[in-house]
């Protein structure tokens, strides 16, 4: 019976040792996995914070650009009538110059010094 108890004790010790080693390995895998997840979480948090800052900057820049565009549109609207007047004046001047050239040719007037 002593021999049977020794075998049973050795078997239980062996099974317990295997279970302990398995548990230790599983715990170390969990630790490594947890560490990797924490590292990934920190990286993603940093990236998210950077993206949020970039988004705020772009939103502010977009608001500034929209304001500048509205100001430019108002300025264009204010200048448009003057621009049209200037185009009409240039057109009238060109027509007068062409009429003068036609009259010079018709009357055969020579330019002084030519």
N, C-alpha and C. Protein backbone atom coordinates (compact mmCIF):
# COMPACT_ATOMS: atom_id res chain seq x y z
N UNK A 1 0.80 -1.17 0.00
CA UNK A 1 0.00 0.00 0.00
C UNK A 1 0.86 1.26 0.00
N UNK A 2 2.03 1.14 0.63
CA UNK A 2 2.93 2.27 0.66
C UNK A 2 3.34 2.65 -0.75
N UNK A 3 3.58 1.69 -1.58
CA UNK A 3 3.97 1.91 -2.96
C UNK A 3 2.84 2.60 -3.73
N UNK A 4 1.61 2.25 -3.49
CA UNK A 4 0.45 2.84 -4.15
C UNK A 4 0.26 4.29 -3.73
N UNK A 5 0.50 4.57 -2.43
CA UNK A 5 0.37 5.94 -1.94
C UNK A 5 1.45 6.83 -2.55
N UNK A 6 2.66 6.31 -2.70
CA UNK A 6 3.74 7.08 -3.30
C UNK A 6 3.42 7.41 -4.76
N UNK A 7 2.91 6.43 -5.46
CA UNK A 7 2.57 6.64 -6.87
C UNK A 7 1.45 7.68 -6.98
N UNK A 8 0.45 7.54 -6.12
CA UNK A 8 -0.66 8.49 -6.12
C UNK A 8 -0.17 9.89 -5.76
N UNK A 9 0.72 9.99 -4.77
CA UNK A 9 1.27 11.28 -4.36
C UNK A 9 2.08 11.90 -5.49
N UNK A 10 2.94 11.09 -6.13
CA UNK A 10 3.75 11.58 -7.24
C UNK A 10 2.86 12.00 -8.41
N UNK A 11 1.82 11.25 -8.66
CA UNK A 11 0.90 11.58 -9.75
C UNK A 11 0.19 12.90 -9.46
N UNK A 12 -0.27 13.08 -8.23
CA UNK A 12 -0.96 14.31 -7.86
C UNK A 12 0.00 15.50 -7.89
N UNK A 13 1.23 15.29 -7.41
CA UNK A 13 2.23 16.35 -7.46
C UNK A 13 2.53 16.71 -8.92
N UNK A 14 2.67 15.71 -9.78
CA UNK A 14 2.96 15.95 -11.20
C UNK A 14 1.81 16.70 -11.86
N UNK A 15 0.59 16.27 -11.59
CA UNK A 15 -0.58 16.94 -12.17
C UNK A 15 -0.67 18.38 -11.65
N UNK A 16 -0.42 18.55 -10.36
CA UNK A 16 -0.45 19.90 -9.77
C UNK A 16 0.64 20.78 -10.38
N UNK A 17 1.83 20.22 -10.58
CA UNK A 17 2.93 20.96 -11.18
C UNK A 17 2.59 21.37 -12.62
N UNK A 18 2.03 20.44 -13.38
CA UNK A 18 1.63 20.75 -14.76
C UNK A 18 0.54 21.83 -14.76
N UNK A 19 -0.42 21.71 -13.84
CA UNK A 19 -1.48 22.72 -13.74
C UNK A 19 -0.90 24.07 -13.35
N UNK A 20 0.05 24.10 -12.42
CA UNK A 20 0.69 25.34 -12.00
C UNK A 20 1.45 25.99 -13.15
N UNK A 21 2.23 25.18 -13.87
CA UNK A 21 2.99 25.69 -15.01
C UNK A 21 2.04 26.22 -16.09
N UNK A 22 0.96 25.47 -16.35
CA UNK A 22 -0.04 25.92 -17.33
C UNK A 22 -0.68 27.23 -16.92
N UNK A 23 -1.01 27.34 -15.63
CA UNK A 23 -1.60 28.57 -15.12
C UNK A 23 -0.62 29.73 -15.22
N UNK A 24 0.64 29.48 -14.89
CA UNK A 24 1.67 30.52 -14.98
C UNK A 24 1.84 30.97 -16.43
N UNK A 25 1.86 30.03 -17.35
CA UNK A 25 1.99 30.38 -18.78
C UNK A 25 0.78 31.19 -19.24
N UNK A 26 -0.41 30.75 -18.84
CA UNK A 26 -1.62 31.46 -19.22
C UNK A 26 -1.62 32.88 -18.65
N UNK A 27 -1.18 33.02 -17.39
CA UNK A 27 -1.11 34.34 -16.76
C UNK A 27 -0.10 35.23 -17.47
N UNK A 28 1.03 34.66 -17.87
CA UNK A 28 2.04 35.47 -18.58
C UNK A 28 1.51 35.89 -19.95
N UNK A 29 0.77 35.01 -20.63
CA UNK A 29 0.17 35.38 -21.91
C UNK A 29 -0.85 36.50 -21.73
N UNK A 30 -1.64 36.40 -20.67
CA UNK A 30 -2.61 37.46 -20.38
C UNK A 30 -1.89 38.78 -20.08
N UNK A 31 -0.79 38.72 -19.34
CA UNK A 31 -0.02 39.92 -19.01
C UNK A 31 0.53 40.57 -20.28
N UNK A 32 1.12 39.75 -21.15
CA UNK A 32 1.68 40.27 -22.40
C UNK A 32 0.56 40.86 -23.27
N UNK A 33 -0.56 40.15 -23.35
CA UNK A 33 -1.70 40.65 -24.12
C UNK A 33 -2.23 41.96 -23.57
N UNK A 34 -2.33 42.05 -22.24
CA UNK A 34 -2.80 43.27 -21.59
C UNK A 34 -1.85 44.42 -21.88
N UNK A 35 -0.55 44.15 -21.79
CA UNK A 35 0.45 45.18 -22.06
C UNK A 35 0.34 45.67 -23.52
N UNK A 36 0.15 44.74 -24.44
CA UNK A 36 0.01 45.12 -25.85
C UNK A 36 -1.26 45.95 -26.06
N UNK A 37 -2.35 45.57 -25.39
CA UNK A 37 -3.59 46.34 -25.51
C UNK A 37 -3.45 47.74 -24.92
N UNK A 38 -2.76 47.85 -23.79
CA UNK A 38 -2.54 49.16 -23.19
C UNK A 38 -1.71 50.06 -24.10
N UNK A 39 -0.69 49.46 -24.70
CA UNK A 39 0.17 50.21 -25.62
C UNK A 39 -0.64 50.67 -26.84
N UNK A 40 -1.46 49.78 -27.38
CA UNK A 40 -2.30 50.11 -28.53
C UNK A 40 -3.33 51.18 -28.16
N UNK A 41 -3.90 51.05 -26.97
CA UNK A 41 -4.88 52.04 -26.49
C UNK A 41 -4.23 53.42 -26.36
N UNK A 42 -3.02 53.47 -25.82
CA UNK A 42 -2.31 54.75 -25.67
C UNK A 42 -2.01 55.35 -27.03
N UNK A 43 -1.57 54.53 -27.96
CA UNK A 43 -1.26 55.02 -29.31
C UNK A 43 -2.52 55.58 -29.97
N UNK A 44 -3.63 54.85 -29.84
CA UNK A 44 -4.88 55.31 -30.44
C UNK A 44 -5.39 56.58 -29.76
N UNK A 45 -5.23 56.67 -28.45
CA UNK A 45 -5.65 57.87 -27.72
C UNK A 45 -4.83 59.08 -28.17
N UNK A 46 -3.53 58.89 -28.31
CA UNK A 46 -2.67 59.98 -28.77
C UNK A 46 -3.05 60.41 -30.19
N UNK A 47 -3.31 59.44 -31.05
CA UNK A 47 -3.69 59.73 -32.42
C UNK A 47 -5.04 60.45 -32.46
N UNK A 48 -5.97 60.01 -31.62
CA UNK A 48 -7.28 60.66 -31.55
C UNK A 48 -7.15 62.10 -31.08
N UNK A 49 -6.33 62.33 -30.07
CA UNK A 49 -6.12 63.70 -29.57
C UNK A 49 -5.50 64.57 -30.66
N UNK A 50 -4.55 64.01 -31.39
CA UNK A 50 -3.90 64.76 -32.48
C UNK A 50 -4.93 65.08 -33.58
N UNK A 51 -5.77 64.10 -33.91
CA UNK A 51 -6.79 64.32 -34.95
C UNK A 51 -7.83 65.35 -34.50
N UNK A 52 -8.19 65.33 -33.22
CA UNK A 52 -9.15 66.31 -32.71
C UNK A 52 -8.56 67.72 -32.78
N UNK A 53 -7.29 67.84 -32.44
CA UNK A 53 -6.63 69.15 -32.52
C UNK A 53 -6.58 69.63 -33.98
N UNK A 54 -6.27 68.72 -34.88
CA UNK A 54 -6.22 69.06 -36.31
C UNK A 54 -7.62 69.46 -36.80
N UNK A 55 -8.64 68.75 -36.34
CA UNK A 55 -10.01 69.07 -36.72
C UNK A 55 -10.41 70.47 -36.24
N UNK A 56 -10.06 70.79 -34.99
CA UNK A 56 -10.36 72.13 -34.47
C UNK A 56 -9.64 73.20 -35.29
N UNK A 57 -8.37 72.94 -35.64
CA UNK A 57 -7.60 73.90 -36.43
C UNK A 57 -8.23 74.09 -37.81
N UNK A 58 -8.63 72.97 -38.45
CA UNK A 58 -9.22 73.05 -39.77
C UNK A 58 -10.59 73.74 -39.73
N UNK A 59 -11.35 73.50 -38.66
CA UNK A 59 -12.65 74.15 -38.53
C UNK A 59 -12.46 75.65 -38.39
N UNK A 60 -11.51 76.04 -37.56
CA UNK A 60 -11.22 77.47 -37.38
C UNK A 60 -10.76 78.08 -38.70
N UNK A 61 -9.88 77.37 -39.39
CA UNK A 61 -9.38 77.84 -40.68
C UNK A 61 -10.52 77.94 -41.70
N UNK A 62 -11.42 76.95 -41.67
CA UNK A 62 -12.58 76.97 -42.58
C UNK A 62 -13.49 78.15 -42.29
N UNK A 63 -13.72 78.43 -41.00
CA UNK A 63 -14.53 79.59 -40.63
C UNK A 63 -13.87 80.87 -41.11
N UNK A 64 -12.55 80.96 -40.93
CA UNK A 64 -11.80 82.14 -41.38
C UNK A 64 -11.90 82.28 -42.90
N UNK A 65 -11.74 81.16 -43.61
CA UNK A 65 -11.82 81.20 -45.07
C UNK A 65 -13.22 81.59 -45.54
N UNK A 66 -14.25 81.09 -44.85
CA UNK A 66 -15.62 81.45 -45.22
C UNK A 66 -15.86 82.94 -45.00
N UNK A 67 -15.33 83.48 -43.90
CA UNK A 67 -15.48 84.90 -43.62
C UNK A 67 -14.75 85.73 -44.69
N UNK A 68 -13.51 85.31 -45.04
CA UNK A 68 -12.75 86.02 -46.07
C UNK A 68 -13.47 85.97 -47.42
N UNK A 69 -14.06 84.81 -47.73
CA UNK A 69 -14.79 84.67 -48.99
C UNK A 69 -15.99 85.61 -49.01
N UNK A 70 -16.72 85.68 -47.89
CA UNK A 70 -17.88 86.58 -47.81
C UNK A 70 -17.44 88.04 -47.97
N UNK A 71 -16.33 88.41 -47.34
CA UNK A 71 -15.81 89.78 -47.47
C UNK A 71 -15.41 90.07 -48.92
N UNK A 72 -14.75 89.11 -49.55
CA UNK A 72 -14.33 89.29 -50.95
C UNK A 72 -15.55 89.42 -51.86
N UNK A 73 -16.59 88.64 -51.58
CA UNK A 73 -17.81 88.71 -52.38
C UNK A 73 -18.48 90.07 -52.22
N UNK A 74 -18.51 90.59 -50.98
CA UNK A 74 -19.08 91.91 -50.74
C UNK A 74 -18.28 92.99 -51.48
N UNK A 75 -16.97 92.87 -51.42
CA UNK A 75 -16.11 93.84 -52.11
C UNK A 75 -16.34 93.77 -53.62
N UNK A 76 -16.46 92.55 -54.15
CA UNK A 76 -16.72 92.38 -55.58
C UNK A 76 -18.07 93.00 -55.95
N UNK A 77 -19.07 92.77 -55.11
CA UNK A 77 -20.39 93.35 -55.38
C UNK A 77 -20.34 94.88 -55.37
N UNK A 78 -19.53 95.45 -54.46
CA UNK A 78 -19.39 96.92 -54.42
C UNK A 78 -18.66 97.45 -55.66
N UNK A 79 -17.68 96.70 -56.15
CA UNK A 79 -16.86 97.17 -57.27
C UNK A 79 -17.48 96.87 -58.64
N UNK A 80 -18.43 95.98 -58.69
CA UNK A 80 -19.00 95.54 -59.96
C UNK A 80 -19.59 96.71 -60.78
N UNK A 81 -20.38 97.61 -60.17
CA UNK A 81 -20.91 98.73 -60.98
C UNK A 81 -19.79 99.61 -61.55
N UNK A 82 -18.78 99.90 -60.73
CA UNK A 82 -17.65 100.71 -61.22
C UNK A 82 -16.92 99.99 -62.34
N UNK A 83 -16.78 98.70 -62.21
CA UNK A 83 -16.11 97.90 -63.24
C UNK A 83 -16.89 97.96 -64.55
N UNK A 84 -18.20 97.86 -64.46
CA UNK A 84 -19.03 97.92 -65.67
C UNK A 84 -18.94 99.30 -66.32
N UNK A 85 -18.94 100.35 -65.47
CA UNK A 85 -18.80 101.72 -65.98
C UNK A 85 -17.48 101.89 -66.72
N UNK A 86 -16.41 101.32 -66.11
CA UNK A 86 -15.08 101.43 -66.72
C UNK A 86 -15.05 100.68 -68.05
N UNK A 87 -15.67 99.51 -68.11
CA UNK A 87 -15.72 98.76 -69.37
C UNK A 87 -16.46 99.56 -70.44
N UNK A 88 -17.57 100.17 -70.04
CA UNK A 88 -18.33 100.98 -71.00
C UNK A 88 -17.51 102.17 -71.47
N UNK A 89 -16.77 102.81 -70.55
CA UNK A 89 -15.94 103.97 -70.92
C UNK A 89 -14.82 103.55 -71.86
N UNK A 90 -14.20 102.42 -71.58
CA UNK A 90 -13.12 101.93 -72.45
C UNK A 90 -13.68 101.60 -73.83
N UNK A 91 -14.87 100.99 -73.85
CA UNK A 91 -15.51 100.68 -75.13
C UNK A 91 -15.80 101.95 -75.92
N UNK A 92 -16.30 102.98 -75.22
CA UNK A 92 -16.59 104.25 -75.90
C UNK A 92 -15.30 104.89 -76.39
N UNK A 93 -14.24 104.85 -75.58
CA UNK A 93 -12.95 105.41 -75.99
C UNK A 93 -12.41 104.68 -77.22
N UNK A 94 -12.52 103.36 -77.21
CA UNK A 94 -12.04 102.58 -78.36
C UNK A 94 -12.84 102.93 -79.61
N UNK A 95 -14.14 103.12 -79.44
CA UNK A 95 -14.97 103.47 -80.59
C UNK A 95 -14.57 104.86 -81.11
N UNK A 96 -14.31 105.81 -80.21
CA UNK A 96 -13.89 107.14 -80.63
C UNK A 96 -12.54 107.09 -81.33
N UNK A 97 -11.61 106.28 -80.81
CA UNK A 97 -10.29 106.16 -81.44
C UNK A 97 -10.42 105.56 -82.83
N UNK A 98 -11.28 104.56 -82.97
CA UNK A 98 -11.48 103.94 -84.28
C UNK A 98 -12.12 104.95 -85.24
N UNK A 99 -13.05 105.73 -84.73
CA UNK A 99 -13.70 106.75 -85.57
C UNK A 99 -12.68 107.80 -86.00
N UNK A 100 -11.81 108.21 -85.08
CA UNK A 100 -10.75 109.18 -85.42
C UNK A 100 -9.82 108.62 -86.50
N UNK A 101 -9.42 107.37 -86.36
CA UNK A 101 -8.55 106.75 -87.36
C UNK A 101 -9.25 106.70 -88.72
N UNK A 102 -10.53 106.36 -88.70
CA UNK A 102 -11.28 106.30 -89.95
C UNK A 102 -11.35 107.69 -90.59
N UNK A 103 -11.63 108.71 -89.77
CA UNK A 103 -11.68 110.08 -90.30
C UNK A 103 -10.33 110.51 -90.85
N UNK A 104 -9.24 110.17 -90.16
CA UNK A 104 -7.89 110.53 -90.64
C UNK A 104 -7.64 109.90 -92.00
N UNK A 105 -8.00 108.63 -92.13
CA UNK A 105 -7.77 107.96 -93.42
C UNK A 105 -8.68 108.55 -94.50
N UNK A 106 -9.92 108.83 -94.11
CA UNK A 106 -10.86 109.37 -95.09
C UNK A 106 -10.41 110.75 -95.55
N UNK A 107 -10.00 111.57 -94.62
CA UNK A 107 -9.58 112.93 -94.96
C UNK A 107 -8.11 113.00 -95.36
N UNK A 108 -7.43 111.87 -95.28
CA UNK A 108 -6.03 111.75 -95.65
C UNK A 108 -5.17 112.73 -94.85
N UNK A 109 -5.37 112.73 -93.54
CA UNK A 109 -4.62 113.61 -92.66
C UNK A 109 -3.36 112.86 -92.22
N UNK A 110 -2.23 113.55 -92.35
CA UNK A 110 -0.96 112.95 -91.95
C UNK A 110 -0.63 113.40 -90.54
N UNK A 111 -0.05 112.51 -89.75
CA UNK A 111 0.39 112.82 -88.39
C UNK A 111 1.64 113.69 -88.49
N UNK A 112 1.75 114.72 -87.66
CA UNK A 112 2.97 115.53 -87.70
C UNK A 112 4.17 114.71 -87.23
N UNK A 113 5.26 114.79 -87.91
CA UNK A 113 6.49 114.10 -87.54
C UNK A 113 6.55 112.68 -88.04
N UNK A 114 5.60 112.26 -88.85
CA UNK A 114 5.63 110.89 -89.38
C UNK A 114 6.03 110.91 -90.83
